[in-house]
Amino acid sequence: MSHEHDEEQFKGRLDFAIWRKLIRFLKPYRVSVALLLVTSILVVGVDVVAPILQGQVIARAGGEDGMADVWNYLIGFAGALLLLVICIFMFICLAGRIACGVSADIRRAAFRKLQSLQFGYYDKRNVGWL
């Protein structure tokens, strides 16, 4: 059976020199990248804490104190969910800012490079090779 539309398998080596060049474009966004990492860690923390709080609510609800002790855990759970919502919103905003900024910077650098080349370069290369 022929799969004409399947993607080709990558058979080469990963070139880290290209990644180093791309990572240089992140320098102007150091603060945003740091905040993105912090929000990621907070999201992971809330993801770990939320089931623990849920378990505590379930365990306390059947106890002798009844609902008196449960309210503290419910408030903690609500706070964790609020923190999760805020962190996810920040994550989306920061990732969007970084992605748009880096792609614009790469585009600017590419056009600057193309404009700095001699006219003879374009005589020897087809448009598709640019």
C-alpha atoms as a PDB file:
ATOM      1  CA  MET A   1       0.000   0.000   0.000  1.00  0.00           C
ATOM      2  CA  SER A   2       1.431   3.342  -1.049  1.00  0.00           C
ATOM      3  CA  HIS A   3       1.241   6.342   1.229  1.00  0.00           C
ATOM      4  CA  GLU A   4       1.851   9.247  -1.117  1.00  0.00           C
ATOM      5  CA  HIS A   5       0.761  11.873   1.371  1.00  0.00           C
ATOM      6  CA  ASP A   6       2.734  10.626   4.376  1.00  0.00           C
ATOM      7  CA  GLU A   7       5.436  12.885   5.680  1.00  0.00           C
ATOM      8  CA  GLU A   8       9.028  11.934   5.136  1.00  0.00           C
ATOM      9  CA  GLN A   9      10.896  10.515   8.103  1.00  0.00           C
ATOM     10  CA  PHE A  10      13.730  12.629   9.442  1.00  0.00           C
ATOM     11  CA  LYS A  11      16.952  10.703   8.932  1.00  0.00           C
ATOM     12  CA  GLY A  12      19.526  13.393   9.641  1.00  0.00           C
ATOM     13  CA  ARG A  13      21.161  14.537  12.842  1.00  0.00           C
ATOM     14  CA  LEU A  14      19.817  17.310  15.002  1.00  0.00           C
ATOM     15  CA  ASP A  15      21.885  20.439  14.394  1.00  0.00           C
ATOM     16  CA  PHE A  16      22.277  22.303  17.691  1.00  0.00           C
ATOM     17  CA  ALA A  17      24.000  25.240  15.980  1.00  0.00           C
ATOM     18  CA  ILE A  18      20.664  26.231  14.471  1.00  0.00           C
ATOM     19  CA  TRP A  19      19.003  26.035  17.889  1.00  0.00           C
ATOM     20  CA  ARG A  20      21.716  28.254  19.406  1.00  0.00           C
ATOM     21  CA  LYS A  21      21.042  30.851  16.710  1.00  0.00           C
ATOM     22  CA  LEU A  22      17.323  30.694  17.394  1.00  0.00           C
ATOM     23  CA  ILE A  23      17.740  30.915  21.161  1.00  0.00           C
ATOM     24  CA  ARG A  24      19.662  34.178  20.695  1.00  0.00           C
ATOM     25  CA  PHE A  25      16.389  35.721  19.556  1.00  0.00           C
ATOM     26  CA  LEU A  26      14.985  35.091  23.068  1.00  0.00           C
ATOM     27  CA  LYS A  27      17.431  37.510  24.734  1.00  0.00           C
ATOM     28  CA  PRO A  28      15.142  40.568  24.503  1.00  0.00           C
ATOM     29  CA  TYR A  29      12.373  38.512  26.107  1.00  0.00           C
ATOM     30  CA  ARG A  30      14.327  37.227  29.128  1.00  0.00           C
ATOM     31  CA  VAL A  31      11.852  38.617  31.663  1.00  0.00           C
ATOM     32  CA  SER A  32       8.877  37.157  29.799  1.00  0.00           C
ATOM     33  CA  VAL A  33      10.603  33.769  29.503  1.00  0.00           C
ATOM     34  CA  ALA A  34      11.407  33.809  33.229  1.00  0.00           C
ATOM     35  CA  LEU A  35       7.794  34.672  34.075  1.00  0.00           C
ATOM     36  CA  LEU A  36       6.645  31.923  31.711  1.00  0.00           C
ATOM     37  CA  LEU A  37       8.795  29.405  33.591  1.00  0.00           C
ATOM     38  CA  VAL A  38       7.466  30.622  36.946  1.00  0.00           C
ATOM     39  CA  THR A  39       3.851  30.337  35.786  1.00  0.00           C
ATOM     40  CA  SER A  40       4.594  26.853  34.428  1.00  0.00           C
ATOM     41  CA  ILE A  41       5.951  25.772  37.805  1.00  0.00           C
ATOM     42  CA  LEU A  42       2.923  27.268  39.568  1.00  0.00           C
ATOM     43  CA  VAL A  43       0.550  25.428  37.227  1.00  0.00           C
ATOM     44  CA  VAL A  44       2.353  22.163  37.966  1.00  0.00           C
ATOM     45  CA  GLY A  45       2.162  22.897  41.693  1.00  0.00           C
ATOM     46  CA  VAL A  46      -1.571  23.545  41.574  1.00  0.00           C
ATOM     47  CA  ASP A  47      -2.064  20.414  39.474  1.00  0.00           C
ATOM     48  CA  VAL A  48      -0.346  18.432  42.222  1.00  0.00           C
ATOM     49  CA  VAL A  49      -2.109  20.154  45.138  1.00  0.00           C
ATOM     50  CA  ALA A  50      -5.662  20.084  43.715  1.00  0.00           C
ATOM     51  CA  PRO A  51      -6.198  16.296  44.022  1.00  0.00           C
ATOM     52  CA  ILE A  52      -4.730  16.357  47.534  1.00  0.00           C
ATOM     53  CA  LEU A  53      -7.219  19.044  48.564  1.00  0.00           C
ATOM     54  CA  GLN A  54     -10.064  17.109  46.921  1.00  0.00           C
ATOM     55  CA  GLY A  55      -9.094  14.024  48.883  1.00  0.00           C
ATOM     56  CA  GLN A  56      -9.026  16.017  52.120  1.00  0.00           C
ATOM     57  CA  VAL A  57     -12.500  17.445  51.435  1.00  0.00           C
ATOM     58  CA  ILE A  58     -13.877  13.948  50.834  1.00  0.00           C
ATOM     59  CA  ALA A  59     -12.140  12.525  53.913  1.00  0.00           C
ATOM     60  CA  ARG A  60     -13.287  15.345  56.205  1.00  0.00           C
ATOM     61  CA  ALA A  61     -16.877  15.388  54.943  1.00  0.00           C
ATOM     62  CA  GLY A  62     -17.525  11.962  56.445  1.00  0.00           C
ATOM     63  CA  GLY A  63     -15.817  12.756  59.756  1.00  0.00           C
ATOM     64  CA  GLU A  64     -17.287  13.791  63.086  1.00  0.00           C
ATOM     65  CA  ASP A  65     -16.712  17.505  62.556  1.00  0.00           C
ATOM     66  CA  GLY A  66     -18.729  17.291  59.353  1.00  0.00           C
ATOM     67  CA  MET A  67     -18.827  20.417  57.268  1.00  0.00           C
ATOM     68  CA  ALA A  68     -17.043  22.704  59.744  1.00  0.00           C
ATOM     69  CA  ASP A  69     -13.604  21.447  58.727  1.00  0.00           C
ATOM     70  CA  VAL A  70     -14.548  20.985  55.081  1.00  0.00           C
ATOM     71  CA  TRP A  71     -15.051  24.710  54.487  1.00  0.00           C
ATOM     72  CA  ASN A  72     -11.357  25.424  55.110  1.00  0.00           C
ATOM     73  CA  TYR A  73     -10.374  22.896  52.472  1.00  0.00           C
ATOM     74  CA  LEU A  74     -13.018  24.171  50.054  1.00  0.00           C
ATOM     75  CA  ILE A  75     -11.674  27.712  50.433  1.00  0.00           C
ATOM     76  CA  GLY A  76      -8.142  26.399  49.842  1.00  0.00           C
ATOM     77  CA  PHE A  77      -9.345  24.482  46.805  1.00  0.00           C
ATOM     78  CA  ALA A  78     -11.112  27.576  45.429  1.00  0.00           C
ATOM     79  CA  GLY A  79      -7.921  29.587  45.977  1.00  0.00           C
ATOM     80  CA  ALA A  80      -5.899  26.938  44.146  1.00  0.00           C
ATOM     81  CA  LEU A  81      -8.332  27.021  41.225  1.00  0.00           C
ATOM     82  CA  LEU A  82      -8.194  30.808  41.101  1.00  0.00           C
ATOM     83  CA  LEU A  83      -4.396  30.657  41.071  1.00  0.00           C
ATOM     84  CA  LEU A  84      -4.578  28.068  38.277  1.00  0.00           C
ATOM     85  CA  VAL A  85      -6.844  30.294  36.167  1.00  0.00           C
ATOM     86  CA  ILE A  86      -4.580  33.310  36.672  1.00  0.00           C
ATOM     87  CA  CYS A  87      -1.452  31.302  35.853  1.00  0.00           C
ATOM     88  CA  ILE A  88      -2.951  29.798  32.712  1.00  0.00           C
ATOM     89  CA  PHE A  89      -4.075  33.241  31.547  1.00  0.00           C
ATOM     90  CA  MET A  90      -0.581  34.628  32.193  1.00  0.00           C
ATOM     91  CA  PHE A  91       0.978  31.609  30.460  1.00  0.00           C
ATOM     92  CA  ILE A  92      -1.121  32.186  27.329  1.00  0.00           C
ATOM     93  CA  CYS A  93      -0.388  35.939  27.278  1.00  0.00           C
ATOM     94  CA  LEU A  94       3.351  35.508  27.873  1.00  0.00           C
ATOM     95  CA  ALA A  95       3.722  32.672  25.361  1.00  0.00           C
ATOM     96  CA  GLY A  96       1.851  34.714  22.759  1.00  0.00           C
ATOM     97  CA  ARG A  97       4.005  37.772  23.385  1.00  0.00           C
ATOM     98  CA  ILE A  98       7.207  35.730  23.124  1.00  0.00           C
ATOM     99  CA  ALA A  99       6.076  33.827  20.021  1.00  0.00           C
ATOM    100  CA  CYS A 100       4.948  36.938  18.146  1.00  0.00           C
ATOM    101  CA  GLY A 101       8.000  38.942  19.180  1.00  0.00           C
ATOM    102  CA  VAL A 102      10.530  36.249  18.302  1.00  0.00           C
ATOM    103  CA  SER A 103       8.901  35.505  14.947  1.00  0.00           C
ATOM    104  CA  ALA A 104       8.854  39.226  14.094  1.00  0.00           C
ATOM    105  CA  ASP A 105      12.523  39.547  15.105  1.00  0.00           C
ATOM    106  CA  ILE A 106      13.489  36.530  12.975  1.00  0.00           C
ATOM    107  CA  ARG A 107      11.553  37.957  10.030  1.00  0.00           C
ATOM    108  CA  ARG A 108      13.258  41.345  10.474  1.00  0.00           C
ATOM    109  CA  ALA A 109      16.695  39.718  10.643  1.00  0.00           C
ATOM    110  CA  ALA A 110      15.972  37.646   7.528  1.00  0.00           C
ATOM    111  CA  PHE A 111      14.870  40.684   5.513  1.00  0.00           C
ATOM    112  CA  ARG A 112      17.835  42.686   6.772  1.00  0.00           C
ATOM    113  CA  LYS A 113      20.131  39.876   5.578  1.00  0.00           C
ATOM    114  CA  LEU A 114      18.402  39.664   2.187  1.00  0.00           C
ATOM    115  CA  GLN A 115      18.659  43.410   1.703  1.00  0.00           C
ATOM    116  CA  SER A 116      22.355  43.420   2.576  1.00  0.00           C
ATOM    117  CA  LEU A 117      23.267  40.897  -0.126  1.00  0.00           C
ATOM    118  CA  GLN A 118      24.792  42.033  -3.428  1.00  0.00           C
ATOM    119  CA  PHE A 119      22.608  42.085  -6.532  1.00  0.00           C
ATOM    120  CA  GLY A 120      24.832  39.397  -8.041  1.00  0.00           C
ATOM    121  CA  TYR A 121      23.602  36.970  -5.395  1.00  0.00           C
ATOM    122  CA  TYR A 122      20.090  37.197  -6.821  1.00  0.00           C
ATOM    123  CA  ASP A 123      21.392  36.682 -10.368  1.00  0.00           C
ATOM    124  CA  LYS A 124      22.857  33.307  -9.375  1.00  0.00           C
ATOM    125  CA  ARG A 125      19.977  32.065  -7.179  1.00  0.00           C
ATOM    126  CA  ASN A 126      16.404  31.376  -8.126  1.00  0.00           C
ATOM    127  CA  VAL A 127      13.711  33.118  -6.118  1.00  0.00           C
ATOM    128  CA  GLY A 128      12.661  29.807  -4.545  1.00  0.00           C
ATOM    129  CA  TRP A 129      16.108  29.334  -3.019  1.00  0.00           C
ATOM    130  CA  LEU A 130      15.949  32.533  -1.007  1.00  0.00           C
END
